[in-house]
């Protein structure tokens, strides 16, 4: 367990629900009662342990963060998050898109902290610090796309959520986060760039809806075509255009 809050550096120990408790109460029974497994990394070794995706908690944050900005972030996505996870039609404006992208990254960070008890950690400390200080993702070096992915299985036994975090190294180093909760799936890309550079915008396709940076027009959910689950699992980081920032 982290001794210091992974966001602000104060003393950790406040119990944070990886997914909000209200979400577990509103989710399908097959989600709240389903058991799964997760990889636990500590002391240079990995072991597989059972866990319940809906009720997982971590103690890597302080009470001020947990009951302050993190609680406000959960409240900001509450009006629409369950509709997204059920694949229901909804439109989100720029403020809701920003909250959703931020919530997705924060949730992925907490899920990872439930698995990685020691450093090194797949997501660098600088990205935790950025989220804490600015309350949103970096507009210069982070991008996100949302996908409509049918949960695998049947009505009684299906995998309601999963997470994958993979580093990549092309011209610049970075990592890919793939988080899925119900039908809502998001791919977040973070690239370590020199200060004078930024990532180009992601384009909209029949299966991908740009989420971050927030779009001036509405985010319309779901995308026109669902993405098969196996395709989602195999998805690699797309080639990103890197360009000099305007002076």
C-alpha atoms as a PDB file:
ATOM      1  CA  UNK A   1       0.000   0.000   0.000  1.00  0.00           C
ATOM      2  CA  UNK A   2       1.262   3.472  -0.848  1.00  0.00           C
ATOM      3  CA  UNK A   3       2.385   5.469   2.192  1.00  0.00           C
ATOM      4  CA  UNK A   4       1.901   8.761   0.387  1.00  0.00           C
ATOM      5  CA  UNK A   5      -1.077   9.887  -1.661  1.00  0.00           C
ATOM      6  CA  UNK A   6      -0.258   9.119  -5.298  1.00  0.00           C
ATOM      7  CA  UNK A   7      -1.726  12.487  -6.311  1.00  0.00           C
ATOM      8  CA  UNK A   8      -0.683  15.136  -3.760  1.00  0.00           C
ATOM      9  CA  UNK A   9       2.003  13.405  -1.677  1.00  0.00           C
ATOM     10  CA  UNK A  10       0.213  13.705   1.676  1.00  0.00           C
ATOM     11  CA  UNK A  11      -0.271  10.698   3.970  1.00  0.00           C
ATOM     12  CA  UNK A  12      -2.338   7.993   2.239  1.00  0.00           C
ATOM     13  CA  UNK A  13      -4.811   5.609   3.834  1.00  0.00           C
ATOM     14  CA  UNK A  14      -8.279   6.762   2.746  1.00  0.00           C
ATOM     15  CA  UNK A  15     -10.252   3.889   1.188  1.00  0.00           C
ATOM     16  CA  UNK A  16     -11.200   4.747  -2.406  1.00  0.00           C
ATOM     17  CA  UNK A  17     -13.731   2.726  -4.398  1.00  0.00           C
ATOM     18  CA  UNK A  18     -12.194   2.047  -7.816  1.00  0.00           C
ATOM     19  CA  UNK A  19     -15.701   2.293  -9.271  1.00  0.00           C
ATOM     20  CA  UNK A  20     -18.198   4.551  -7.463  1.00  0.00           C
ATOM     21  CA  UNK A  21     -20.467   2.813  -4.973  1.00  0.00           C
ATOM     22  CA  UNK A  22     -23.550   4.320  -6.651  1.00  0.00           C
ATOM     23  CA  UNK A  23     -22.473   2.684  -9.898  1.00  0.00           C
ATOM     24  CA  UNK A  24     -22.384  -0.755  -8.280  1.00  0.00           C
ATOM     25  CA  UNK A  25     -25.875  -0.178  -6.871  1.00  0.00           C
ATOM     26  CA  UNK A  26     -27.261   0.785 -10.290  1.00  0.00           C
ATOM     27  CA  UNK A  27     -25.398  -1.815 -12.344  1.00  0.00           C
ATOM     28  CA  UNK A  28     -26.800  -5.169 -13.541  1.00  0.00           C
ATOM     29  CA  UNK A  29     -26.746  -8.015 -11.030  1.00  0.00           C
ATOM     30  CA  UNK A  30     -24.388  -9.957 -13.291  1.00  0.00           C
ATOM     31  CA  UNK A  31     -21.885  -7.117 -12.849  1.00  0.00           C
ATOM     32  CA  UNK A  32     -22.141  -6.576  -9.112  1.00  0.00           C
ATOM     33  CA  UNK A  33     -21.981 -10.286  -8.241  1.00  0.00           C
ATOM     34  CA  UNK A  34     -19.434 -11.423 -10.802  1.00  0.00           C
ATOM     35  CA  UNK A  35     -16.005 -12.464  -9.583  1.00  0.00           C
ATOM     36  CA  UNK A  36     -12.832 -12.216 -11.585  1.00  0.00           C
ATOM     37  CA  UNK A  37      -9.085 -12.258 -11.263  1.00  0.00           C
ATOM     38  CA  UNK A  38      -6.361  -9.662 -11.320  1.00  0.00           C
ATOM     39  CA  UNK A  39      -2.592  -9.753 -11.471  1.00  0.00           C
ATOM     40  CA  UNK A  40      -0.859  -8.546  -8.309  1.00  0.00           C
ATOM     41  CA  UNK A  41       2.700  -7.243  -8.695  1.00  0.00           C
ATOM     42  CA  UNK A  42       4.848  -6.860  -5.577  1.00  0.00           C
ATOM     43  CA  UNK A  43       8.409  -7.575  -4.591  1.00  0.00           C
ATOM     44  CA  UNK A  44       9.352  -8.236  -8.205  1.00  0.00           C
ATOM     45  CA  UNK A  45       6.861 -11.108  -8.459  1.00  0.00           C
ATOM     46  CA  UNK A  46       3.389 -11.542  -9.926  1.00  0.00           C
ATOM     47  CA  UNK A  47       0.536 -13.618  -8.558  1.00  0.00           C
ATOM     48  CA  UNK A  48      -3.085 -13.983  -9.634  1.00  0.00           C
ATOM     49  CA  UNK A  49      -5.700 -13.235  -6.979  1.00  0.00           C
ATOM     50  CA  UNK A  50      -9.533 -13.249  -7.038  1.00  0.00           C
ATOM     51  CA  UNK A  51     -11.414  -9.969  -6.903  1.00  0.00           C
ATOM     52  CA  UNK A  52     -14.841  -8.446  -7.484  1.00  0.00           C
ATOM     53  CA  UNK A  53     -14.621  -5.799 -10.182  1.00  0.00           C
ATOM     54  CA  UNK A  54     -17.625  -3.835  -8.908  1.00  0.00           C
ATOM     55  CA  UNK A  55     -16.510  -3.423  -5.286  1.00  0.00           C
ATOM     56  CA  UNK A  56     -12.704  -3.178  -5.525  1.00  0.00           C
ATOM     57  CA  UNK A  57     -11.085  -0.593  -3.228  1.00  0.00           C
ATOM     58  CA  UNK A  58      -7.578   0.853  -2.815  1.00  0.00           C
ATOM     59  CA  UNK A  59      -5.884   2.856  -0.053  1.00  0.00           C
ATOM     60  CA  UNK A  60      -3.361   4.880  -2.055  1.00  0.00           C
ATOM     61  CA  UNK A  61      -4.914   8.342  -1.672  1.00  0.00           C
ATOM     62  CA  UNK A  62      -5.419  10.798   1.171  1.00  0.00           C
ATOM     63  CA  UNK A  63      -8.757  11.821   2.653  1.00  0.00           C
ATOM     64  CA  UNK A  64      -8.498  15.336   1.239  1.00  0.00           C
ATOM     65  CA  UNK A  65      -8.167  14.074  -2.352  1.00  0.00           C
ATOM     66  CA  UNK A  66     -10.696  11.266  -1.900  1.00  0.00           C
ATOM     67  CA  UNK A  67     -13.376  13.495  -0.370  1.00  0.00           C
ATOM     68  CA  UNK A  68     -12.462  16.564  -2.423  1.00  0.00           C
ATOM     69  CA  UNK A  69     -11.655  16.701  -6.134  1.00  0.00           C
ATOM     70  CA  UNK A  70     -12.056  12.928  -6.660  1.00  0.00           C
ATOM     71  CA  UNK A  71     -15.536  12.990  -5.119  1.00  0.00           C
ATOM     72  CA  UNK A  72     -16.495  16.003  -7.251  1.00  0.00           C
ATOM     73  CA  UNK A  73     -15.241  14.200 -10.356  1.00  0.00           C
ATOM     74  CA  UNK A  74     -17.433  11.167  -9.576  1.00  0.00           C
ATOM     75  CA  UNK A  75     -20.418  13.466  -9.087  1.00  0.00           C
ATOM     76  CA  UNK A  76     -19.793  15.171 -12.443  1.00  0.00           C
ATOM     77  CA  UNK A  77     -20.109  11.906 -14.418  1.00  0.00           C
ATOM     78  CA  UNK A  78     -22.999  10.450 -12.385  1.00  0.00           C
ATOM     79  CA  UNK A  79     -25.772  11.997 -14.532  1.00  0.00           C
ATOM     80  CA  UNK A  80     -24.676  10.102 -17.663  1.00  0.00           C
ATOM     81  CA  UNK A  81     -22.150   7.359 -16.857  1.00  0.00           C
ATOM     82  CA  UNK A  82     -24.630   4.495 -16.435  1.00  0.00           C
ATOM     83  CA  UNK A  83     -26.276   5.351 -19.765  1.00  0.00           C
ATOM     84  CA  UNK A  84     -22.893   5.020 -21.457  1.00  0.00           C
ATOM     85  CA  UNK A  85     -22.166   1.649 -19.837  1.00  0.00           C
ATOM     86  CA  UNK A  86     -25.576   0.344 -20.946  1.00  0.00           C
ATOM     87  CA  UNK A  87     -25.043   1.552 -24.529  1.00  0.00           C
ATOM     88  CA  UNK A  88     -27.993   3.950 -24.397  1.00  0.00           C
ATOM     89  CA  UNK A  89     -28.167   6.985 -26.682  1.00  0.00           C
ATOM     90  CA  UNK A  90     -26.851  10.211 -25.174  1.00  0.00           C
ATOM     91  CA  UNK A  91     -25.075  13.412 -26.274  1.00  0.00           C
ATOM     92  CA  UNK A  92     -22.376  15.086 -24.182  1.00  0.00           C
ATOM     93  CA  UNK A  93     -21.107  18.642 -24.422  1.00  0.00           C
ATOM     94  CA  UNK A  94     -17.464  19.723 -23.922  1.00  0.00           C
ATOM     95  CA  UNK A  95     -17.706  19.895 -20.099  1.00  0.00           C
ATOM     96  CA  UNK A  96     -19.127  16.364 -19.887  1.00  0.00           C
ATOM     97  CA  UNK A  97     -16.499  15.065 -22.322  1.00  0.00           C
ATOM     98  CA  UNK A  98     -13.742  16.564 -20.182  1.00  0.00           C
ATOM     99  CA  UNK A  99     -15.194  15.011 -17.019  1.00  0.00           C
ATOM    100  CA  UNK A 100     -15.558  11.613 -18.713  1.00  0.00           C
ATOM    101  CA  UNK A 101     -11.989  11.562 -20.050  1.00  0.00           C
ATOM    102  CA  UNK A 102     -10.639  12.627 -16.651  1.00  0.00           C
ATOM    103  CA  UNK A 103     -12.761  10.049 -14.823  1.00  0.00           C
ATOM    104  CA  UNK A 104     -11.568   7.320 -17.200  1.00  0.00           C
ATOM    105  CA  UNK A 105      -7.903   8.086 -16.502  1.00  0.00           C
ATOM    106  CA  UNK A 106      -8.443   8.408 -12.745  1.00  0.00           C
ATOM    107  CA  UNK A 107     -10.303   5.081 -12.692  1.00  0.00           C
ATOM    108  CA  UNK A 108      -7.563   3.347 -14.691  1.00  0.00           C
ATOM    109  CA  UNK A 109      -4.966   4.735 -12.264  1.00  0.00           C
ATOM    110  CA  UNK A 110      -6.855   3.382  -9.255  1.00  0.00           C
ATOM    111  CA  UNK A 111      -7.344  -0.025 -10.897  1.00  0.00           C
ATOM    112  CA  UNK A 112      -3.618  -0.216 -11.563  1.00  0.00           C
ATOM    113  CA  UNK A 113      -2.822   0.744  -7.988  1.00  0.00           C
ATOM    114  CA  UNK A 114      -4.866  -2.248  -6.886  1.00  0.00           C
ATOM    115  CA  UNK A 115      -2.416  -4.435  -8.818  1.00  0.00           C
ATOM    116  CA  UNK A 116       0.948  -2.672  -8.534  1.00  0.00           C
ATOM    117  CA  UNK A 117       1.888  -2.416  -4.876  1.00  0.00           C
ATOM    118  CA  UNK A 118       5.428  -1.245  -5.593  1.00  0.00           C
ATOM    119  CA  UNK A 119       7.116   0.985  -8.120  1.00  0.00           C
ATOM    120  CA  UNK A 120       7.926   0.878 -11.025  1.00  0.00           C
ATOM    121  CA  UNK A 121       4.417   1.581 -12.202  1.00  0.00           C
ATOM    122  CA  UNK A 122       3.133   1.605 -15.819  1.00  0.00           C
ATOM    123  CA  UNK A 123       1.799   5.169 -15.484  1.00  0.00           C
ATOM    124  CA  UNK A 124       4.486   7.725 -14.555  1.00  0.00           C
ATOM    125  CA  UNK A 125       4.141   9.828 -11.408  1.00  0.00           C
ATOM    126  CA  UNK A 126       4.124  12.975 -13.537  1.00  0.00           C
ATOM    127  CA  UNK A 127       0.718  12.016 -14.983  1.00  0.00           C
ATOM    128  CA  UNK A 128      -0.765  11.616 -11.472  1.00  0.00           C
ATOM    129  CA  UNK A 129       0.629  15.036 -10.609  1.00  0.00           C
ATOM    130  CA  UNK A 130      -0.815  16.583 -13.779  1.00  0.00           C
ATOM    131  CA  UNK A 131      -4.282  15.180 -13.049  1.00  0.00           C
ATOM    132  CA  UNK A 132      -4.145  16.518  -9.484  1.00  0.00           C
ATOM    133  CA  UNK A 133      -2.864  19.982 -10.404  1.00  0.00           C
ATOM    134  CA  UNK A 134      -4.981  20.636 -13.506  1.00  0.00           C
ATOM    135  CA  UNK A 135      -8.033  18.419 -12.958  1.00  0.00           C
ATOM    136  CA  UNK A 136      -7.958  17.123 -16.530  1.00  0.00           C
ATOM    137  CA  UNK A 137      -5.745  15.349 -19.045  1.00  0.00           C
ATOM    138  CA  UNK A 138      -2.914  17.083 -20.851  1.00  0.00           C
ATOM    139  CA  UNK A 139      -4.167  18.713 -24.051  1.00  0.00           C
ATOM    140  CA  UNK A 140      -0.653  18.630 -25.484  1.00  0.00           C
ATOM    141  CA  UNK A 141       0.381  14.990 -25.055  1.00  0.00           C
ATOM    142  CA  UNK A 142      -2.744  12.936 -24.271  1.00  0.00           C
ATOM    143  CA  UNK A 143      -5.560  11.771 -26.540  1.00  0.00           C
ATOM    144  CA  UNK A 144      -8.634   9.585 -26.015  1.00  0.00           C
ATOM    145  CA  UNK A 145     -11.144   7.756 -28.214  1.00  0.00           C
ATOM    146  CA  UNK A 146     -14.351   6.070 -27.042  1.00  0.00           C
ATOM    147  CA  UNK A 147     -15.660   2.795 -28.457  1.00  0.00           C
ATOM    148  CA  UNK A 148     -18.938   0.865 -28.256  1.00  0.00           C
ATOM    149  CA  UNK A 149     -17.935  -2.678 -27.238  1.00  0.00           C
ATOM    150  CA  UNK A 150     -20.385  -5.451 -26.375  1.00  0.00           C
ATOM    151  CA  UNK A 151     -19.431  -7.193 -23.104  1.00  0.00           C
ATOM    152  CA  UNK A 152     -18.407 -10.798 -23.786  1.00  0.00           C
ATOM    153  CA  UNK A 153     -20.503 -13.674 -22.455  1.00  0.00           C
ATOM    154  CA  UNK A 154     -24.253 -13.947 -21.919  1.00  0.00           C
ATOM    155  CA  UNK A 155     -26.841 -12.285 -19.683  1.00  0.00           C
ATOM    156  CA  UNK A 156     -25.909 -14.428 -16.668  1.00  0.00           C
ATOM    157  CA  UNK A 157     -22.145 -14.691 -17.039  1.00  0.00           C
ATOM    158  CA  UNK A 158     -20.340 -11.865 -18.755  1.00  0.00           C
ATOM    159  CA  UNK A 159     -17.240  -9.803 -18.184  1.00  0.00           C
ATOM    160  CA  UNK A 160     -18.578  -6.350 -17.365  1.00  0.00           C
ATOM    161  CA  UNK A 161     -15.227  -4.601 -17.247  1.00  0.00           C
ATOM    162  CA  UNK A 162     -11.527  -4.917 -17.972  1.00  0.00           C
ATOM    163  CA  UNK A 163      -8.332  -2.894 -18.086  1.00  0.00           C
ATOM    164  CA  UNK A 164      -5.120  -3.121 -20.126  1.00  0.00           C
ATOM    165  CA  UNK A 165      -2.130  -0.789 -19.822  1.00  0.00           C
ATOM    166  CA  UNK A 166       0.710  -1.261 -22.277  1.00  0.00           C
ATOM    167  CA  UNK A 167       3.856   0.826 -22.858  1.00  0.00           C
ATOM    168  CA  UNK A 168       4.915   1.597 -26.402  1.00  0.00           C
ATOM    169  CA  UNK A 169       7.997   3.112 -27.961  1.00  0.00           C
ATOM    170  CA  UNK A 170       8.031   4.549 -31.458  1.00  0.00           C
ATOM    171  CA  UNK A 171       9.810   7.850 -31.984  1.00  0.00           C
ATOM    172  CA  UNK A 172       8.594   8.877 -28.517  1.00  0.00           C
ATOM    173  CA  UNK A 173       7.862   6.731 -25.489  1.00  0.00           C
ATOM    174  CA  UNK A 174       4.378   6.464 -24.097  1.00  0.00           C
ATOM    175  CA  UNK A 175       1.656   4.131 -22.873  1.00  0.00           C
ATOM    176  CA  UNK A 176      -1.817   3.030 -23.865  1.00  0.00           C
ATOM    177  CA  UNK A 177      -4.710   2.587 -21.428  1.00  0.00           C
ATOM    178  CA  UNK A 178      -7.693   0.511 -22.522  1.00  0.00           C
ATOM    179  CA  UNK A 179     -10.542   0.667 -20.011  1.00  0.00           C
ATOM    180  CA  UNK A 180     -13.981  -0.870 -20.515  1.00  0.00           C
ATOM    181  CA  UNK A 181     -17.007  -0.731 -18.226  1.00  0.00           C
ATOM    182  CA  UNK A 182     -20.074  -2.345 -19.740  1.00  0.00           C
ATOM    183  CA  UNK A 183     -20.544  -1.153 -23.328  1.00  0.00           C
ATOM    184  CA  UNK A 184     -18.386   1.945 -22.795  1.00  0.00           C
ATOM    185  CA  UNK A 185     -14.724   1.494 -23.712  1.00  0.00           C
ATOM    186  CA  UNK A 186     -12.010   4.114 -23.937  1.00  0.00           C
ATOM    187  CA  UNK A 187      -8.484   4.104 -25.327  1.00  0.00           C
ATOM    188  CA  UNK A 188      -6.223   6.714 -23.711  1.00  0.00           C
ATOM    189  CA  UNK A 189      -2.801   7.485 -25.162  1.00  0.00           C
ATOM    190  CA  UNK A 190      -0.072   9.385 -23.329  1.00  0.00           C
ATOM    191  CA  UNK A 191       3.205  10.327 -25.021  1.00  0.00           C
ATOM    192  CA  UNK A 192       6.353  11.802 -23.465  1.00  0.00           C
ATOM    193  CA  UNK A 193       7.074  14.801 -25.688  1.00  0.00           C
ATOM    194  CA  UNK A 194       9.523  17.702 -25.626  1.00  0.00           C
ATOM    195  CA  UNK A 195       7.778  20.918 -24.464  1.00  0.00           C
ATOM    196  CA  UNK A 196       7.671  22.421 -27.975  1.00  0.00           C
ATOM    197  CA  UNK A 197       5.637  19.529 -29.447  1.00  0.00           C
ATOM    198  CA  UNK A 198       2.073  18.242 -29.287  1.00  0.00           C
ATOM    199  CA  UNK A 199       0.012  15.319 -30.585  1.00  0.00           C
ATOM    200  CA  UNK A 200      -2.327  15.830 -33.520  1.00  0.00           C
ATOM    201  CA  UNK A 201      -6.079  15.405 -33.191  1.00  0.00           C
ATOM    202  CA  UNK A 202      -7.746  11.986 -33.455  1.00  0.00           C
ATOM    203  CA  UNK A 203     -10.245  11.566 -36.278  1.00  0.00           C
ATOM    204  CA  UNK A 204     -13.814  10.298 -35.976  1.00  0.00           C
ATOM    205  CA  UNK A 205     -14.688   6.951 -37.585  1.00  0.00           C
ATOM    206  CA  UNK A 206     -17.760   4.726 -37.682  1.00  0.00           C
ATOM    207  CA  UNK A 207     -16.434   2.861 -34.615  1.00  0.00           C
ATOM    208  CA  UNK A 208     -14.442   5.547 -32.785  1.00  0.00           C
ATOM    209  CA  UNK A 209     -15.707   8.726 -31.147  1.00  0.00           C
ATOM    210  CA  UNK A 210     -13.025  11.298 -30.188  1.00  0.00           C
ATOM    211  CA  UNK A 211     -13.285  12.061 -26.465  1.00  0.00           C
ATOM    212  CA  UNK A 212     -10.187  14.087 -25.602  1.00  0.00           C
ATOM    213  CA  UNK A 213      -9.476  16.885 -26.239  1.00  0.00           C
ATOM    214  CA  UNK A 214     -13.160  17.697 -25.892  1.00  0.00           C
ATOM    215  CA  UNK A 215     -14.960  18.412 -29.155  1.00  0.00           C
ATOM    216  CA  UNK A 216     -16.695  21.735 -29.723  1.00  0.00           C
ATOM    217  CA  UNK A 217     -19.681  19.869 -31.146  1.00  0.00           C
ATOM    218  CA  UNK A 218     -21.512  17.245 -29.111  1.00  0.00           C
ATOM    219  CA  UNK A 219     -20.136  13.809 -28.333  1.00  0.00           C
ATOM    220  CA  UNK A 220     -22.847  11.511 -29.720  1.00  0.00           C
ATOM    221  CA  UNK A 221     -23.115   8.061 -28.125  1.00  0.00           C
ATOM    222  CA  UNK A 222     -22.984   5.319 -29.166  1.00  0.00           C
ATOM    223  CA  UNK A 223     -20.793   5.348 -32.315  1.00  0.00           C
ATOM    224  CA  UNK A 224     -22.469   4.128 -35.489  1.00  0.00           C
ATOM    225  CA  UNK A 225     -20.882   0.661 -35.341  1.00  0.00           C
ATOM    226  CA  UNK A 226     -19.888  -1.503 -32.360  1.00  0.00           C
ATOM    227  CA  UNK A 227     -16.323  -2.753 -32.065  1.00  0.00           C
ATOM    228  CA  UNK A 228     -16.009  -6.550 -31.624  1.00  0.00           C
ATOM    229  CA  UNK A 229     -14.618  -7.471 -28.206  1.00  0.00           C
ATOM    230  CA  UNK A 230     -11.710  -9.476 -29.628  1.00  0.00           C
ATOM    231  CA  UNK A 231     -10.759  -6.531 -31.840  1.00  0.00           C
ATOM    232  CA  UNK A 232     -10.862  -4.297 -28.779  1.00  0.00           C
ATOM    233  CA  UNK A 233      -8.541  -6.617 -26.867  1.00  0.00           C
ATOM    234  CA  UNK A 234      -6.051  -6.758 -29.743  1.00  0.00           C
ATOM    235  CA  UNK A 235      -6.072  -3.015 -30.437  1.00  0.00           C
ATOM    236  CA  UNK A 236      -2.607  -1.478 -30.625  1.00  0.00           C
ATOM    237  CA  UNK A 237      -1.725   2.208 -30.170  1.00  0.00           C
ATOM    238  CA  UNK A 238      -2.439   4.013 -33.418  1.00  0.00           C
ATOM    239  CA  UNK A 239       0.230   6.034 -35.175  1.00  0.00           C
ATOM    240  CA  UNK A 240       0.011   9.547 -33.771  1.00  0.00           C
ATOM    241  CA  UNK A 241       0.997  12.678 -35.623  1.00  0.00           C
ATOM    242  CA  UNK A 242       3.459  14.775 -33.619  1.00  0.00           C
ATOM    243  CA  UNK A 243       3.915  18.422 -34.550  1.00  0.00           C
ATOM    244  CA  UNK A 244       5.443  21.631 -33.286  1.00  0.00           C
ATOM    245  CA  UNK A 245       3.155  23.793 -31.175  1.00  0.00           C
ATOM    246  CA  UNK A 246       2.150  27.179 -32.584  1.00  0.00           C
ATOM    247  CA  UNK A 247       4.253  29.975 -31.173  1.00  0.00           C
END
